[in-house]
Amino acid sequence: MRSDIENCIKQISRIVKGKENEIQLSLICLLAKGHLLLEDLPGMGKTTLSQALANVLGLEFARIQFTSDLLPADMLGVNIFENASQTFRFHPGPIFNQLVLADEINRASPKTQSALLEAMAERQVTIDGVTRSLPSPFFVIASQNPLHQSGTHPLPESQLDRFSMQLSLGYPSFEAEKAMLQAADEPPILSSVIEIDQLSVLQEKVCQVSVSDSVMNYILNLVNTTRDSADFPNAISPRGAKTLYRASQAVAFVKRRDFVTPEDVQFVLPSVFEHRLRGQLAASTATTYSEHLMQQVDPLAA
C-alpha cells in the first residue's frame, strides 16, 4: 500500500511539475488526519494541487471561493422553510464534502473564517442548534495570499493552530516551467490511486508507527523550548505538539519504516511549526523560527 503513495506523488507530479517535496508533504498532512494551509502568490498552482489530491484519492471535492461578502451560511448550509411540507429543510453547504478547498481564505471576514473552526477541530458543524457530522475522511486545504496584498484579513492564531501544516509552492524551476509551457492546454486526467477505504487503513497504520522515548523527548524538548525562550513570538500549543508527533509518524510511514527517527521530525517540523511560531508576522528572509529552534535543541540530548 505504501507503493500507492509513491504512485500518488507520480500522478500529481504530471500536473504540478517540479514540486515533489511539497506534494509528498501534502500527502503526509492528509495521512496524519490534518488540514493544510497553502500560502503563496496567485497562480502558483495551489488550486491545481488541491484538485489533483482529490482526484488521486477519489475524494468528493468542493471549492469555496472566499470573498469579503461570503457568509457562514454560504459555506455551512441553511434551513429553508418549505410550504409544501410546512417544515424547515436543511440544505447542506459545500463544507459537506470530503476534501474542501477554502480558496483565498484570508479574503473573507473574520466571522466567516471562524465558521471553519468547529469543522476543522471536531469534524462537525452546528447550525440552528443542530450538530451535523461531516463526511469521513474530511480534509480542509486552504489557500491564502500574502498579507501585503489588498483585501486580505489576517487569520487569527486560533485558526492558524488548526492547520496542521503550512506549505508554499513557490516559483517553479526553469525546466519545470518550460515543461509547463510545452504541455498541452488540456491537463492529463488523473486516475484514482487510493480508494477511500484504503485511505482510512493507511491513516490507521500511520498511528501504529513506533515512536521511541528518545524521539518523543526530542519532540517535547522542541516544544518546551518555544515556551521557555523569548526568541519565539508564539509558543507551541499541545495541539501543535500532537501534530508534530503524528506528522513524524506519517513521514516514517511514507519512507517505508515502522519507527520514527529525529530526521523524520526535522523533515516535517518547518511546515508544522513555522506558521505557529510566526503567527501573522511577515516571513523573515533570514533564518526562520523553525530553523532557529532546531539549532537550539540537540536530538542526541533527548
Protein backbone atom coordinates (compact mmCIF):
# COMPACT_ATOMS: atom_id res chain seq x y z
CA MET A 1 0.00 0.00 0.00
CA ARG A 2 2.96 2.34 0.51
CA SER A 3 3.73 1.95 -3.18
CA ASP A 4 0.32 3.52 -3.80
CA ILE A 5 1.54 6.66 -2.03
CA GLU A 6 4.54 6.82 -4.33
CA ASN A 7 2.18 6.35 -7.29
CA CYS A 8 0.06 9.26 -6.00
CA ILE A 9 3.12 11.51 -5.98
CA LYS A 10 4.00 10.47 -9.53
CA GLN A 11 0.43 11.07 -10.74
CA ILE A 12 0.19 14.55 -9.20
CA SER A 13 3.67 15.44 -10.49
CA ARG A 14 2.30 15.08 -14.02
CA ILE A 15 0.34 18.28 -13.39
CA VAL A 16 2.20 20.06 -10.56
CA LYS A 17 5.69 19.85 -12.02
CA GLY A 18 8.91 20.12 -10.05
CA LYS A 19 7.22 20.11 -6.63
CA GLU A 20 7.65 16.51 -5.49
CA ASN A 21 8.70 17.55 -1.99
CA GLU A 22 5.61 19.74 -1.49
CA ILE A 23 3.36 17.01 -2.92
CA GLN A 24 4.86 14.50 -0.51
CA LEU A 25 4.31 16.84 2.44
CA SER A 26 0.70 17.41 1.37
CA LEU A 27 0.07 13.66 1.39
CA ILE A 28 1.83 13.38 4.76
CA CYS A 29 -0.56 16.00 6.13
CA LEU A 30 -3.58 14.07 4.88
CA LEU A 31 -2.25 10.75 6.19
CA ALA A 32 -1.82 12.40 9.59
CA LYS A 33 -5.51 13.44 9.50
CA GLY A 34 -4.57 17.10 9.38
CA HIS A 35 -5.57 20.22 7.49
CA LEU A 36 -3.29 22.08 5.11
CA LEU A 37 -2.67 25.80 4.56
CA LEU A 38 -1.08 26.88 1.28
CA GLU A 39 0.31 30.42 1.35
CA ASP A 40 1.56 31.81 -1.94
CA LEU A 41 1.09 34.39 -4.63
CA PRO A 42 -1.81 33.86 -7.07
CA GLY A 43 -1.17 31.50 -9.96
CA MET A 44 1.32 29.20 -8.22
CA GLY A 45 -0.76 26.02 -8.52
CA LYS A 46 -2.50 25.88 -5.13
CA THR A 47 -5.90 25.05 -6.61
CA THR A 48 -4.36 22.61 -9.10
CA LEU A 49 -2.62 20.72 -6.30
CA SER A 50 -5.83 20.52 -4.27
CA GLN A 51 -7.88 19.16 -7.18
CA ALA A 52 -5.15 16.67 -8.06
CA LEU A 53 -5.09 15.35 -4.48
CA ALA A 54 -8.85 14.85 -4.58
CA ASN A 55 -8.61 13.00 -7.91
CA VAL A 56 -5.87 10.54 -6.95
CA LEU A 57 -7.51 9.86 -3.57
CA GLY A 58 -11.02 9.50 -5.00
CA LEU A 59 -12.46 12.14 -2.65
CA GLU A 60 -15.56 14.27 -3.12
CA PHE A 61 -14.23 17.76 -3.84
CA ALA A 62 -15.71 21.21 -3.29
CA ARG A 63 -14.16 24.62 -3.78
CA ILE A 64 -15.37 27.57 -1.74
CA GLN A 65 -14.24 30.94 -3.08
CA PHE A 66 -13.76 33.14 -0.02
CA THR A 67 -14.72 36.77 -0.66
CA SER A 68 -15.47 39.73 1.58
CA ASP A 69 -19.24 39.16 1.30
CA LEU A 70 -19.18 35.38 1.92
CA LEU A 71 -21.42 34.43 4.85
CA PRO A 72 -21.07 31.38 7.14
CA ALA A 73 -24.38 30.02 5.81
CA ASP A 74 -22.97 30.08 2.25
CA MET A 75 -20.36 27.61 3.43
CA LEU A 76 -22.14 25.54 6.08
CA GLY A 77 -25.69 25.40 4.74
CA VAL A 78 -29.05 26.78 5.76
CA ASN A 79 -32.52 25.69 6.89
CA ILE A 80 -35.20 26.75 4.41
CA PHE A 81 -38.94 26.68 5.12
CA GLU A 82 -40.90 24.65 2.56
CA ASN A 83 -44.55 25.50 2.10
CA ALA A 84 -45.49 22.05 0.81
CA SER A 85 -44.47 20.24 3.98
CA GLN A 86 -44.74 23.23 6.32
CA THR A 87 -41.35 22.31 7.77
CA PHE A 88 -37.80 23.53 7.60
CA ARG A 89 -35.46 21.51 5.40
CA PHE A 90 -31.70 21.66 5.75
CA HIS A 91 -29.75 22.41 2.58
CA PRO A 92 -26.11 21.42 3.16
CA GLY A 93 -23.38 23.77 2.04
CA PRO A 94 -20.15 22.86 0.26
CA ILE A 95 -18.45 22.12 3.60
CA PHE A 96 -20.19 18.71 3.45
CA ASN A 97 -17.56 17.22 1.16
CA GLN A 98 -14.52 15.08 1.86
CA LEU A 99 -11.90 17.50 0.53
CA VAL A 100 -12.80 21.17 0.77
CA LEU A 101 -10.67 23.88 -0.79
CA ALA A 102 -11.11 27.17 1.07
CA ASP A 103 -9.70 29.32 -1.71
CA GLU A 104 -8.19 32.66 -0.67
CA ILE A 105 -9.43 32.15 2.88
CA ASN A 106 -7.96 35.41 4.14
CA ARG A 107 -10.15 37.47 1.81
CA ALA A 108 -13.23 36.62 3.88
CA SER A 109 -14.29 38.41 7.06
CA PRO A 110 -13.12 37.06 10.45
CA LYS A 111 -16.72 35.97 11.16
CA THR A 112 -16.74 33.70 8.12
CA GLN A 113 -13.22 32.44 8.82
CA SER A 114 -14.25 31.45 12.35
CA ALA A 115 -17.12 29.35 10.99
CA LEU A 116 -14.47 26.80 9.96
CA LEU A 117 -13.13 26.31 13.50
CA GLU A 118 -15.62 23.68 14.66
CA ALA A 119 -15.48 21.85 11.33
CA MET A 120 -11.69 21.60 11.40
CA ALA A 121 -11.32 20.70 15.06
CA GLU A 122 -14.28 18.36 15.57
CA ARG A 123 -15.31 17.43 12.01
CA GLN A 124 -18.84 18.59 12.64
CA VAL A 125 -20.87 21.79 12.32
CA THR A 126 -23.67 23.20 14.45
CA ILE A 127 -26.42 25.06 12.60
CA ASP A 128 -29.50 26.46 14.36
CA GLY A 129 -28.66 24.37 17.40
CA VAL A 130 -28.38 21.09 15.50
CA THR A 131 -24.98 19.39 15.23
CA ARG A 132 -24.29 17.59 11.96
CA SER A 133 -21.34 15.29 11.29
CA LEU A 134 -19.14 15.94 8.28
CA PRO A 135 -18.08 13.23 5.84
CA SER A 136 -15.20 10.93 6.67
CA PRO A 137 -12.45 11.45 5.71
CA PHE A 138 -12.67 15.24 5.95
CA PHE A 139 -9.79 17.48 4.86
CA VAL A 140 -9.60 21.24 4.54
CA ILE A 141 -7.00 22.71 2.23
CA ALA A 142 -6.99 26.49 2.48
CA SER A 143 -5.07 28.86 0.27
CA GLN A 144 -4.18 32.36 1.31
CA ASN A 145 -2.48 35.27 -0.36
CA PRO A 146 0.36 37.18 1.31
CA LEU A 147 -0.95 39.77 3.77
CA HIS A 148 0.61 42.67 1.86
CA GLN A 149 -1.94 42.14 -0.92
CA SER A 150 -5.07 44.28 -0.86
CA GLY A 151 -8.32 42.96 0.60
CA THR A 152 -6.83 40.39 2.94
CA HIS A 153 -7.71 39.74 6.60
CA PRO A 154 -5.14 38.01 8.82
CA LEU A 155 -6.10 34.59 10.17
CA PRO A 156 -6.30 34.60 13.97
CA GLU A 157 -3.76 32.45 15.80
CA SER A 158 -6.56 30.12 16.95
CA GLN A 159 -7.29 29.30 13.31
CA LEU A 160 -3.65 29.06 12.28
CA ASP A 161 -3.17 26.47 15.01
CA ARG A 162 -5.88 24.30 13.49
CA PHE A 163 -3.94 23.98 10.26
CA SER A 164 -1.63 21.05 10.84
CA MET A 165 0.85 22.21 8.21
CA GLN A 166 1.58 25.22 6.05
CA LEU A 167 3.37 24.99 2.71
CA SER A 168 4.44 27.36 -0.01
CA LEU A 169 4.83 26.08 -3.56
CA GLY A 170 6.93 28.98 -4.79
CA TYR A 171 8.01 29.59 -8.36
CA PRO A 172 8.79 26.52 -10.48
CA SER A 173 12.30 25.79 -11.66
CA PHE A 174 13.34 26.84 -15.17
CA GLU A 175 12.98 23.30 -16.53
CA ALA A 176 9.66 22.68 -14.77
CA GLU A 177 8.16 25.90 -16.11
CA LYS A 178 9.46 25.10 -19.58
CA ALA A 179 7.71 21.72 -19.41
CA MET A 180 4.52 23.50 -18.34
CA LEU A 181 4.69 25.82 -21.34
CA GLN A 182 5.23 22.90 -23.71
CA ALA A 183 2.39 20.83 -22.22
CA ALA A 184 -0.99 20.57 -23.90
CA ASP A 185 -3.69 23.02 -22.88
CA GLU A 186 -5.79 20.17 -21.52
CA PRO A 187 -4.12 18.75 -18.38
CA PRO A 188 -3.78 14.97 -18.14
CA ILE A 189 -6.65 13.13 -16.49
CA LEU A 190 -5.57 11.66 -13.17
CA SER A 191 -6.96 8.31 -12.14
CA SER A 192 -7.85 7.36 -8.58
CA VAL A 193 -4.92 5.53 -6.97
CA ILE A 194 -6.17 5.05 -3.41
CA GLU A 195 -9.76 4.25 -2.54
CA ILE A 196 -11.45 5.84 0.47
CA ASP A 197 -11.39 2.58 2.46
CA GLN A 198 -7.68 2.20 1.71
CA LEU A 199 -7.03 5.76 2.85
CA SER A 200 -8.67 5.05 6.20
CA VAL A 201 -6.48 1.96 6.60
CA LEU A 202 -3.36 3.95 5.76
CA GLN A 203 -4.26 6.59 8.33
CA GLU A 204 -4.65 3.91 11.00
CA LYS A 205 -1.31 2.36 10.04
CA VAL A 206 0.33 5.77 10.49
CA CYS A 207 -0.91 5.83 14.09
CA GLN A 208 0.78 2.46 14.68
CA VAL A 209 4.28 3.65 13.70
CA SER A 210 6.55 3.31 16.73
CA VAL A 211 7.95 6.40 18.48
CA SER A 212 10.76 5.72 20.95
CA ASP A 213 11.12 7.59 24.25
CA SER A 214 14.19 9.42 22.95
CA VAL A 215 12.35 10.71 19.87
CA MET A 216 9.33 11.64 21.97
CA ASN A 217 11.61 13.52 24.36
CA TYR A 218 13.16 15.31 21.38
CA ILE A 219 9.71 16.46 20.27
CA LEU A 220 8.85 17.66 23.78
CA ASN A 221 12.20 19.45 24.13
CA LEU A 222 11.49 21.30 20.89
CA VAL A 223 8.03 22.27 22.11
CA ASN A 224 9.19 23.38 25.57
CA THR A 225 12.00 25.47 24.10
CA THR A 226 9.41 27.62 22.32
CA ARG A 227 7.66 28.13 25.66
CA ASP A 228 10.75 28.89 27.73
CA SER A 229 12.69 31.09 25.29
CA ALA A 230 11.96 34.69 24.40
CA ASP A 231 13.31 34.05 20.89
CA PHE A 232 9.90 32.98 19.60
CA PRO A 233 6.87 35.28 19.20
CA ASN A 234 4.43 32.42 19.91
CA ALA A 235 4.80 29.17 21.83
CA ILE A 236 3.71 25.80 20.50
CA SER A 237 0.41 24.54 21.92
CA PRO A 238 -0.33 20.95 22.94
CA ARG A 239 -2.25 20.65 19.65
CA GLY A 240 0.90 21.67 17.80
CA ALA A 241 2.95 19.10 19.72
CA LYS A 242 0.45 16.36 18.87
CA THR A 243 0.51 17.43 15.23
CA LEU A 244 4.30 17.17 15.04
CA TYR A 245 4.14 13.74 16.68
CA ARG A 246 1.55 12.43 14.20
CA ALA A 247 3.16 14.07 11.16
CA SER A 248 6.53 12.49 12.09
CA GLN A 249 4.82 9.10 12.15
CA ALA A 250 3.40 9.81 8.68
CA VAL A 251 6.88 10.73 7.39
CA ALA A 252 8.32 7.44 8.65
CA PHE A 253 5.41 5.53 7.12
CA VAL A 254 5.84 7.17 3.71
CA LYS A 255 9.56 6.36 3.87
CA ARG A 256 8.71 2.69 4.45
CA ARG A 257 9.76 2.48 8.09
CA ASP A 258 7.80 1.39 11.15
CA PHE A 259 9.66 3.69 13.54
CA VAL A 260 10.30 7.44 13.74
CA THR A 261 13.79 8.97 13.66
CA PRO A 262 14.89 12.52 14.63
CA GLU A 263 15.38 13.15 10.91
CA ASP A 264 11.68 12.49 10.33
CA VAL A 265 10.84 15.10 12.96
CA GLN A 266 13.23 17.61 11.39
CA PHE A 267 11.86 16.95 7.89
CA VAL A 268 8.33 17.94 8.79
CA LEU A 269 8.97 20.44 11.61
CA PRO A 270 9.18 23.63 9.47
CA SER A 271 5.82 23.02 7.84
CA VAL A 272 4.22 22.14 11.20
CA PHE A 273 5.78 24.80 13.43
CA GLU A 274 6.71 27.85 11.34
CA HIS A 275 3.21 29.31 10.92
CA ARG A 276 2.50 28.69 14.61
CA LEU A 277 5.73 30.31 15.81
CA ARG A 278 5.49 33.22 13.38
CA GLY A 279 1.77 33.92 13.73
CA GLN A 280 0.91 36.87 11.49
CA LEU A 281 4.44 38.26 11.35
CA ALA A 282 5.88 38.65 7.87
CA ALA A 283 8.15 35.81 6.79
CA SER A 284 11.78 36.56 7.54
CA THR A 285 14.37 36.47 4.78
CA ALA A 286 16.92 35.25 7.32
CA THR A 287 16.82 32.06 9.34
CA THR A 288 13.24 31.02 10.05
CA TYR A 289 11.99 30.44 13.57
CA SER A 290 11.75 26.70 12.98
CA GLU A 291 15.35 26.53 11.76
CA HIS A 292 16.49 28.54 14.78
CA LEU A 293 14.59 26.14 17.01
CA MET A 294 16.25 23.05 15.52
CA GLN A 295 19.65 24.67 16.01
CA GLN A 296 18.90 25.15 19.71
CA VAL A 297 17.73 21.62 20.52
CA ASP A 298 20.13 18.69 20.17
CA PRO A 299 18.32 15.45 19.26
CA LEU A 300 21.09 13.43 20.92
CA ALA A 301 20.41 15.16 24.23
CA ALA A 302 16.96 13.55 24.35
